Amino acid sequence: DSIDESLPCIGSLRCNPNRCSNAIVSKANAPHWRDVYVTNRENLNNPIYQDNIQQIKEVMNEAKSVLDLLGEGVIE
């Protein structure tokens, strides 16, 4: 129940430096973020996920923003 706010969060590869000043993300994490982007881009055309298009786009934008911050970018 107690959380030490002075410590950085280190629990997830989804750590996003655009949302958290404690985020530690380097170019070594770029392949993970690229996979998140590519997988979701592919899901845009999958009929199974048509009711989640907005969420898919939000995840893609989040991944793209981290890749841009890392200087990796994406090909659209």
PDB file of N, CA and C in Angstrom:
ATOM      1  N   ASP A   1       0.801  -1.207   0.000  1.00  0.00           N
ATOM      2  CA  ASP A   1       0.000   0.000   0.000  1.00  0.00           C
ATOM      3  C   ASP A   1       0.842   1.270   0.000  1.00  0.00           C
ATOM      4  N   SER A   2       2.099   1.180   0.355  1.00  0.00           N
ATOM      5  CA  SER A   2       2.926   2.380   0.337  1.00  0.00           C
ATOM      6  C   SER A   2       3.829   2.363  -0.885  1.00  0.00           C
ATOM      7  N   ILE A   3       3.982   3.521  -1.479  1.00  0.00           N
ATOM      8  CA  ILE A   3       4.803   3.672  -2.679  1.00  0.00           C
ATOM      9  C   ILE A   3       5.802   4.786  -2.437  1.00  0.00           C
ATOM     10  N   ASP A   4       7.053   4.525  -2.723  1.00  0.00           N
ATOM     11  CA  ASP A   4       8.093   5.545  -2.603  1.00  0.00           C
ATOM     12  C   ASP A   4       8.149   6.305  -3.925  1.00  0.00           C
ATOM     13  N   GLU A   5       7.569   7.491  -3.958  1.00  0.00           N
ATOM     14  CA  GLU A   5       7.496   8.288  -5.191  1.00  0.00           C
ATOM     15  C   GLU A   5       8.867   8.783  -5.661  1.00  0.00           C
ATOM     16  N   SER A   6       9.877   8.712  -4.811  1.00  0.00           N
ATOM     17  CA  SER A   6      11.197   9.189  -5.204  1.00  0.00           C
ATOM     18  C   SER A   6      11.933   8.186  -6.093  1.00  0.00           C
ATOM     19  N   LEU A   7      11.448   6.937  -6.158  1.00  0.00           N
ATOM     20  CA  LEU A   7      12.094   5.906  -6.972  1.00  0.00           C
ATOM     21  C   LEU A   7      11.471   5.857  -8.365  1.00  0.00           C
ATOM     22  N   PRO A   8      12.291   5.653  -9.401  1.00  0.00           N
ATOM     23  CA  PRO A   8      11.722   5.543 -10.750  1.00  0.00           C
ATOM     24  C   PRO A   8      10.997   4.213 -10.943  1.00  0.00           C
ATOM     25  N   CYS A   9      10.020   4.216 -11.790  1.00  0.00           N
ATOM     26  CA  CYS A   9       9.316   2.993 -12.154  1.00  0.00           C
ATOM     27  C   CYS A   9      10.225   2.195 -13.087  1.00  0.00           C
ATOM     28  N   ILE A  10      10.455   0.920 -12.785  1.00  0.00           N
ATOM     29  CA  ILE A  10      11.304   0.100 -13.650  1.00  0.00           C
ATOM     30  C   ILE A  10      10.596  -1.184 -14.053  1.00  0.00           C
ATOM     31  N   GLY A  11       9.259  -1.190 -13.982  1.00  0.00           N
ATOM     32  CA  GLY A  11       8.550  -2.441 -14.127  1.00  0.00           C
ATOM     33  C   GLY A  11       8.023  -2.805 -15.496  1.00  0.00           C
ATOM     34  N   SER A  12       8.251  -2.022 -16.534  1.00  0.00           N
ATOM     35  CA  SER A  12       7.602  -2.354 -17.792  1.00  0.00           C
ATOM     36  C   SER A  12       8.397  -1.871 -18.992  1.00  0.00           C
ATOM     37  N   LEU A  13       8.384  -2.680 -20.041  1.00  0.00           N
ATOM     38  CA  LEU A  13       8.984  -2.229 -21.299  1.00  0.00           C
ATOM     39  C   LEU A  13       8.150  -1.130 -21.947  1.00  0.00           C
ATOM     40  N   ARG A  14       6.922  -0.960 -21.495  1.00  0.00           N
ATOM     41  CA  ARG A  14       6.070   0.094 -22.043  1.00  0.00           C
ATOM     42  C   ARG A  14       6.347   1.436 -21.389  1.00  0.00           C
ATOM     43  N   CYS A  15       7.409   1.522 -20.647  1.00  0.00           N
ATOM     44  CA  CYS A  15       7.803   2.772 -20.010  1.00  0.00           C
ATOM     45  C   CYS A  15       7.911   3.842 -21.090  1.00  0.00           C
ATOM     46  N   ASN A  16       7.227   4.948 -20.878  1.00  0.00           N
ATOM     47  CA  ASN A  16       7.144   5.961 -21.918  1.00  0.00           C
ATOM     48  C   ASN A  16       7.744   7.280 -21.441  1.00  0.00           C
ATOM     49  N   PRO A  17       8.867   7.677 -22.010  1.00  0.00           N
ATOM     50  CA  PRO A  17       9.500   8.926 -21.596  1.00  0.00           C
ATOM     51  C   PRO A  17       8.683  10.165 -21.951  1.00  0.00           C
ATOM     52  N   ASN A  18       7.713  10.033 -22.829  1.00  0.00           N
ATOM     53  CA  ASN A  18       6.848  11.157 -23.163  1.00  0.00           C
ATOM     54  C   ASN A  18       5.788  11.386 -22.094  1.00  0.00           C
ATOM     55  N   ARG A  19       5.565  10.407 -21.228  1.00  0.00           N
ATOM     56  CA  ARG A  19       4.552  10.513 -20.183  1.00  0.00           C
ATOM     57  C   ARG A  19       5.135  10.591 -18.779  1.00  0.00           C
ATOM     58  N   CYS A  20       6.371  10.146 -18.610  1.00  0.00           N
ATOM     59  CA  CYS A  20       6.931  10.034 -17.262  1.00  0.00           C
ATOM     60  C   CYS A  20       8.368  10.545 -17.244  1.00  0.00           C
ATOM     61  N   SER A  21       8.633  11.495 -16.370  1.00  0.00           N
ATOM     62  CA  SER A  21       9.985  12.056 -16.288  1.00  0.00           C
ATOM     63  C   SER A  21      10.985  11.058 -15.724  1.00  0.00           C
ATOM     64  N   ASN A  22      10.506   9.987 -15.099  1.00  0.00           N
ATOM     65  CA  ASN A  22      11.396   8.966 -14.558  1.00  0.00           C
ATOM     66  C   ASN A  22      11.700   7.854 -15.557  1.00  0.00           C
ATOM     67  N   ALA A  23      11.125   7.928 -16.737  1.00  0.00           N
ATOM     68  CA  ALA A  23      11.280   6.859 -17.725  1.00  0.00           C
ATOM     69  C   ALA A  23      12.732   6.742 -18.173  1.00  0.00           C
ATOM     70  N   ILE A  24      13.182   5.509 -18.249  1.00  0.00           N
ATOM     71  CA  ILE A  24      14.529   5.223 -18.750  1.00  0.00           C
ATOM     72  C   ILE A  24      14.360   4.337 -19.976  1.00  0.00           C
ATOM     73  N   VAL A  25      14.425   4.952 -21.138  1.00  0.00           N
ATOM     74  CA  VAL A  25      14.235   4.240 -22.394  1.00  0.00           C
ATOM     75  C   VAL A  25      15.380   4.626 -23.310  1.00  0.00           C
ATOM     76  N   SER A  26      16.035   3.624 -23.868  1.00  0.00           N
ATOM     77  CA  SER A  26      17.161   3.886 -24.762  1.00  0.00           C
ATOM     78  C   SER A  26      16.896   3.247 -26.120  1.00  0.00           C
ATOM     79  N   LYS A  27      17.835   3.417 -27.015  1.00  0.00           N
ATOM     80  CA  LYS A  27      17.701   2.809 -28.340  1.00  0.00           C
ATOM     81  C   LYS A  27      17.607   1.291 -28.251  1.00  0.00           C
ATOM     82  N   ALA A  28      18.077   0.708 -27.156  1.00  0.00           N
ATOM     83  CA  ALA A  28      17.961  -0.740 -26.969  1.00  0.00           C
ATOM     84  C   ALA A  28      16.488  -1.157 -26.862  1.00  0.00           C
ATOM     85  N   ASN A  29      15.606  -0.233 -26.477  1.00  0.00           N
ATOM     86  CA  ASN A  29      14.181  -0.517 -26.368  1.00  0.00           C
ATOM     87  C   ASN A  29      13.432  -0.270 -27.675  1.00  0.00           C
ATOM     88  N   ALA A  30      14.095   0.312 -28.666  1.00  0.00           N
ATOM     89  CA  ALA A  30      13.443   0.649 -29.929  1.00  0.00           C
ATOM     90  C   ALA A  30      12.812  -0.560 -30.628  1.00  0.00           C
ATOM     91  N   PRO A  31      13.458  -1.737 -30.664  1.00  0.00           N
ATOM     92  CA  PRO A  31      12.816  -2.877 -31.323  1.00  0.00           C
ATOM     93  C   PRO A  31      11.460  -3.240 -30.704  1.00  0.00           C
ATOM     94  N   HIS A  32      11.354  -3.150 -29.392  1.00  0.00           N
ATOM     95  CA  HIS A  32      10.064  -3.424 -28.737  1.00  0.00           C
ATOM     96  C   HIS A  32       9.016  -2.420 -29.197  1.00  0.00           C
ATOM     97  N   TRP A  33       9.354  -1.138 -29.167  1.00  0.00           N
ATOM     98  CA  TRP A  33       8.390  -0.115 -29.571  1.00  0.00           C
ATOM     99  C   TRP A  33       8.045  -0.235 -31.058  1.00  0.00           C
ATOM    100  N   ARG A  34       9.022  -0.626 -31.879  1.00  0.00           N
ATOM    101  CA  ARG A  34       8.742  -0.821 -33.306  1.00  0.00           C
ATOM    102  C   ARG A  34       7.771  -1.990 -33.496  1.00  0.00           C
ATOM    103  N   ASP A  35       7.953  -3.069 -32.731  1.00  0.00           N
ATOM    104  CA  ASP A  35       7.025  -4.202 -32.790  1.00  0.00           C
ATOM    105  C   ASP A  35       5.612  -3.781 -32.388  1.00  0.00           C
ATOM    106  N   VAL A  36       5.511  -2.957 -31.354  1.00  0.00           N
ATOM    107  CA  VAL A  36       4.198  -2.461 -30.931  1.00  0.00           C
ATOM    108  C   VAL A  36       3.543  -1.689 -32.072  1.00  0.00           C
ATOM    109  N   TYR A  37       4.321  -0.827 -32.721  1.00  0.00           N
ATOM    110  CA  TYR A  37       3.790  -0.022 -33.821  1.00  0.00           C
ATOM    111  C   TYR A  37       3.355  -0.900 -34.992  1.00  0.00           C
ATOM    112  N   VAL A  38       4.237  -1.783 -35.430  1.00  0.00           N
ATOM    113  CA  VAL A  38       3.972  -2.622 -36.616  1.00  0.00           C
ATOM    114  C   VAL A  38       2.801  -3.564 -36.367  1.00  0.00           C
ATOM    115  N   THR A  39       2.765  -4.207 -35.218  1.00  0.00           N
ATOM    116  CA  THR A  39       1.676  -5.136 -34.903  1.00  0.00           C
ATOM    117  C   THR A  39       0.336  -4.422 -34.932  1.00  0.00           C
ATOM    118  N   ASN A  40       0.286  -3.246 -34.356  1.00  0.00           N
ATOM    119  CA  ASN A  40      -0.972  -2.510 -34.337  1.00  0.00           C
ATOM    120  C   ASN A  40      -1.336  -1.960 -35.701  1.00  0.00           C
ATOM    121  N   ARG A  41      -0.345  -1.578 -36.489  1.00  0.00           N
ATOM    122  CA  ARG A  41      -0.631  -1.119 -37.857  1.00  0.00           C
ATOM    123  C   ARG A  41      -1.270  -2.255 -38.655  1.00  0.00           C
ATOM    124  N   GLU A  42      -0.751  -3.474 -38.475  1.00  0.00           N
ATOM    125  CA  GLU A  42      -1.322  -4.637 -39.158  1.00  0.00           C
ATOM    126  C   GLU A  42      -2.747  -4.910 -38.674  1.00  0.00           C
ATOM    127  N   ASN A  43      -3.008  -4.663 -37.403  1.00  0.00           N
ATOM    128  CA  ASN A  43      -4.343  -4.905 -36.855  1.00  0.00           C
ATOM    129  C   ASN A  43      -5.390  -3.912 -37.341  1.00  0.00           C
ATOM    130  N   LEU A  44      -4.964  -2.786 -37.889  1.00  0.00           N
ATOM    131  CA  LEU A  44      -5.926  -1.819 -38.421  1.00  0.00           C
ATOM    132  C   LEU A  44      -6.810  -2.432 -39.496  1.00  0.00           C
ATOM    133  N   ASN A  45      -6.270  -3.357 -40.263  1.00  0.00           N
ATOM    134  CA  ASN A  45      -7.021  -3.976 -41.361  1.00  0.00           C
ATOM    135  C   ASN A  45      -7.595  -5.338 -41.001  1.00  0.00           C
ATOM    136  N   ASN A  46      -7.444  -5.756 -39.763  1.00  0.00           N
ATOM    137  CA  ASN A  46      -7.961  -7.052 -39.330  1.00  0.00           C
ATOM    138  C   ASN A  46      -9.405  -6.877 -38.879  1.00  0.00           C
ATOM    139  N   PRO A  47     -10.353  -7.562 -39.527  1.00  0.00           N
ATOM    140  CA  PRO A  47     -11.771  -7.403 -39.189  1.00  0.00           C
ATOM    141  C   PRO A  47     -12.098  -7.722 -37.728  1.00  0.00           C
ATOM    142  N   ILE A  48     -11.296  -8.553 -37.107  1.00  0.00           N
ATOM    143  CA  ILE A  48     -11.539  -8.914 -35.706  1.00  0.00           C
ATOM    144  C   ILE A  48     -11.418  -7.692 -34.795  1.00  0.00           C
ATOM    145  N   TYR A  49     -10.558  -6.741 -35.174  1.00  0.00           N
ATOM    146  CA  TYR A  49     -10.265  -5.590 -34.312  1.00  0.00           C
ATOM    147  C   TYR A  49     -10.962  -4.302 -34.741  1.00  0.00           C
ATOM    148  N   GLN A  50     -11.912  -4.378 -35.640  1.00  0.00           N
ATOM    149  CA  GLN A  50     -12.537  -3.164 -36.164  1.00  0.00           C
ATOM    150  C   GLN A  50     -13.243  -2.327 -35.099  1.00  0.00           C
ATOM    151  N   ASP A  51     -13.667  -2.947 -34.019  1.00  0.00           N
ATOM    152  CA  ASP A  51     -14.326  -2.172 -32.968  1.00  0.00           C
ATOM    153  C   ASP A  51     -13.312  -1.487 -32.041  1.00  0.00           C
ATOM    154  N   ASN A  52     -12.018  -1.716 -32.265  1.00  0.00           N
ATOM    155  CA  ASN A  52     -10.974  -1.117 -31.434  1.00  0.00           C
ATOM    156  C   ASN A  52     -10.046  -0.187 -32.220  1.00  0.00           C
ATOM    157  N   ILE A  53     -10.498   0.304 -33.339  1.00  0.00           N
ATOM    158  CA  ILE A  53      -9.650   1.122 -34.212  1.00  0.00           C
ATOM    159  C   ILE A  53      -9.072   2.325 -33.472  1.00  0.00           C
ATOM    160  N   GLN A  54      -9.886   3.021 -32.685  1.00  0.00           N
ATOM    161  CA  GLN A  54      -9.393   4.210 -31.979  1.00  0.00           C
ATOM    162  C   GLN A  54      -8.269   3.845 -31.007  1.00  0.00           C
ATOM    163  N   GLN A  55      -8.442   2.766 -30.257  1.00  0.00           N
ATOM    164  CA  GLN A  55      -7.401   2.342 -29.316  1.00  0.00           C
ATOM    165  C   GLN A  55      -6.134   1.919 -30.043  1.00  0.00           C
ATOM    166  N   ILE A  56      -6.301   1.235 -31.155  1.00  0.00           N
ATOM    167  CA  ILE A  56      -5.141   0.805 -31.949  1.00  0.00           C
ATOM    168  C   ILE A  56      -4.358   2.027 -32.421  1.00  0.00           C
ATOM    169  N   LYS A  57      -5.066   3.035 -32.904  1.00  0.00           N
ATOM    170  CA  LYS A  57      -4.400   4.261 -33.370  1.00  0.00           C
ATOM    171  C   LYS A  57      -3.687   4.974 -32.225  1.00  0.00           C
ATOM    172  N   GLU A  58      -4.282   4.970 -31.043  1.00  0.00           N
ATOM    173  CA  GLU A  58      -3.648   5.603 -29.886  1.00  0.00           C
ATOM    174  C   GLU A  58      -2.353   4.873 -29.506  1.00  0.00           C
ATOM    175  N   VAL A  59      -2.377   3.545 -29.549  1.00  0.00           N
ATOM    176  CA  VAL A  59      -1.178   2.770 -29.234  1.00  0.00           C
ATOM    177  C   VAL A  59      -0.104   3.026 -30.293  1.00  0.00           C
ATOM    178  N   MET A  60      -0.512   3.093 -31.555  1.00  0.00           N
ATOM    179  CA  MET A  60       0.435   3.387 -32.629  1.00  0.00           C
ATOM    180  C   MET A  60       1.074   4.757 -32.425  1.00  0.00           C
ATOM    181  N   ASN A  61       0.259   5.751 -32.077  1.00  0.00           N
ATOM    182  CA  ASN A  61       0.788   7.100 -31.852  1.00  0.00           C
ATOM    183  C   ASN A  61       1.749   7.144 -30.675  1.00  0.00           C
ATOM    184  N   GLU A  62       1.434   6.390 -29.627  1.00  0.00           N
ATOM    185  CA  GLU A  62       2.320   6.325 -28.471  1.00  0.00           C
ATOM    186  C   GLU A  62       3.660   5.710 -28.867  1.00  0.00           C
ATOM    187  N   ALA A  63       3.622   4.596 -29.578  1.00  0.00           N
ATOM    188  CA  ALA A  63       4.853   3.940 -30.016  1.00  0.00           C
ATOM    189  C   ALA A  63       5.648   4.849 -30.947  1.00  0.00           C
ATOM    190  N   LYS A  64       4.960   5.507 -31.860  1.00  0.00           N
ATOM    191  CA  LYS A  64       5.633   6.415 -32.802  1.00  0.00           C
ATOM    192  C   LYS A  64       6.311   7.556 -32.056  1.00  0.00           C
ATOM    193  N   SER A  65       5.653   8.098 -31.047  1.00  0.00           N
ATOM    194  CA  SER A  65       6.242   9.221 -30.311  1.00  0.00           C
ATOM    195  C   SER A  65       7.517   8.793 -29.580  1.00  0.00           C
ATOM    196  N   VAL A  66       7.543   7.584 -29.038  1.00  0.00           N
ATOM    197  CA  VAL A  66       8.741   7.098 -28.361  1.00  0.00           C
ATOM    198  C   VAL A  66       9.841   6.847 -29.389  1.00  0.00           C
ATOM    199  N   LEU A  67       9.493   6.239 -30.509  1.00  0.00           N
ATOM    200  CA  LEU A  67      10.493   5.994 -31.562  1.00  0.00           C
ATOM    201  C   LEU A  67      11.064   7.306 -32.084  1.00  0.00           C
ATOM    202  N   ASP A  68      10.211   8.313 -32.264  1.00  0.00           N
ATOM    203  CA  ASP A  68      10.693   9.626 -32.706  1.00  0.00           C
ATOM    204  C   ASP A  68      11.650  10.221 -31.682  1.00  0.00           C
ATOM    205  N   LEU A  69      11.303  10.106 -30.407  1.00  0.00           N
ATOM    206  CA  LEU A  69      12.154  10.623 -29.342  1.00  0.00           C
ATOM    207  C   LEU A  69      13.526   9.934 -29.348  1.00  0.00           C
ATOM    208  N   LEU A  70      13.540   8.662 -29.673  1.00  0.00           N
ATOM    209  CA  LEU A  70      14.788   7.891 -29.722  1.00  0.00           C
ATOM    210  C   LEU A  70      15.553   8.120 -31.029  1.00  0.00           C
ATOM    211  N   GLY A  71      14.955   8.898 -31.947  1.00  0.00           N
ATOM    212  CA  GLY A  71      15.591   9.161 -33.226  1.00  0.00           C
ATOM    213  C   GLY A  71      15.455   8.017 -34.199  1.00  0.00           C
ATOM    214  N   GLU A  72      14.487   7.141 -33.954  1.00  0.00           N
ATOM    215  CA  GLU A  72      14.294   5.957 -34.784  1.00  0.00           C
ATOM    216  C   GLU A  72      13.212   6.146 -35.849  1.00  0.00           C
ATOM    217  N   GLY A  73      12.156   6.865 -35.532  1.00  0.00           N
ATOM    218  CA  GLY A  73      11.084   7.117 -36.479  1.00  0.00           C
ATOM    219  C   GLY A  73      10.428   5.858 -37.001  1.00  0.00           C
ATOM    220  N   VAL A  74       9.401   6.028 -37.821  1.00  0.00           N
ATOM    221  CA  VAL A  74       8.692   4.919 -38.446  1.00  0.00           C
ATOM    222  C   VAL A  74       8.430   5.241 -39.912  1.00  0.00           C
ATOM    223  N   ILE A  75       8.281   4.222 -40.700  1.00  0.00           N
ATOM    224  CA  ILE A  75       7.892   4.368 -42.098  1.00  0.00           C
ATOM    225  C   ILE A  75       6.408   4.085 -42.175  1.00  0.00           C
ATOM    226  N   GLU A  76       5.651   5.055 -42.667  1.00  0.00           N
ATOM    227  CA  GLU A  76       4.197   4.873 -42.673  1.00  0.00           C
ATOM    228  C   GLU A  76       3.688   4.483 -43.996  1.00  0.00           C
TER     229      GLU A  76
END
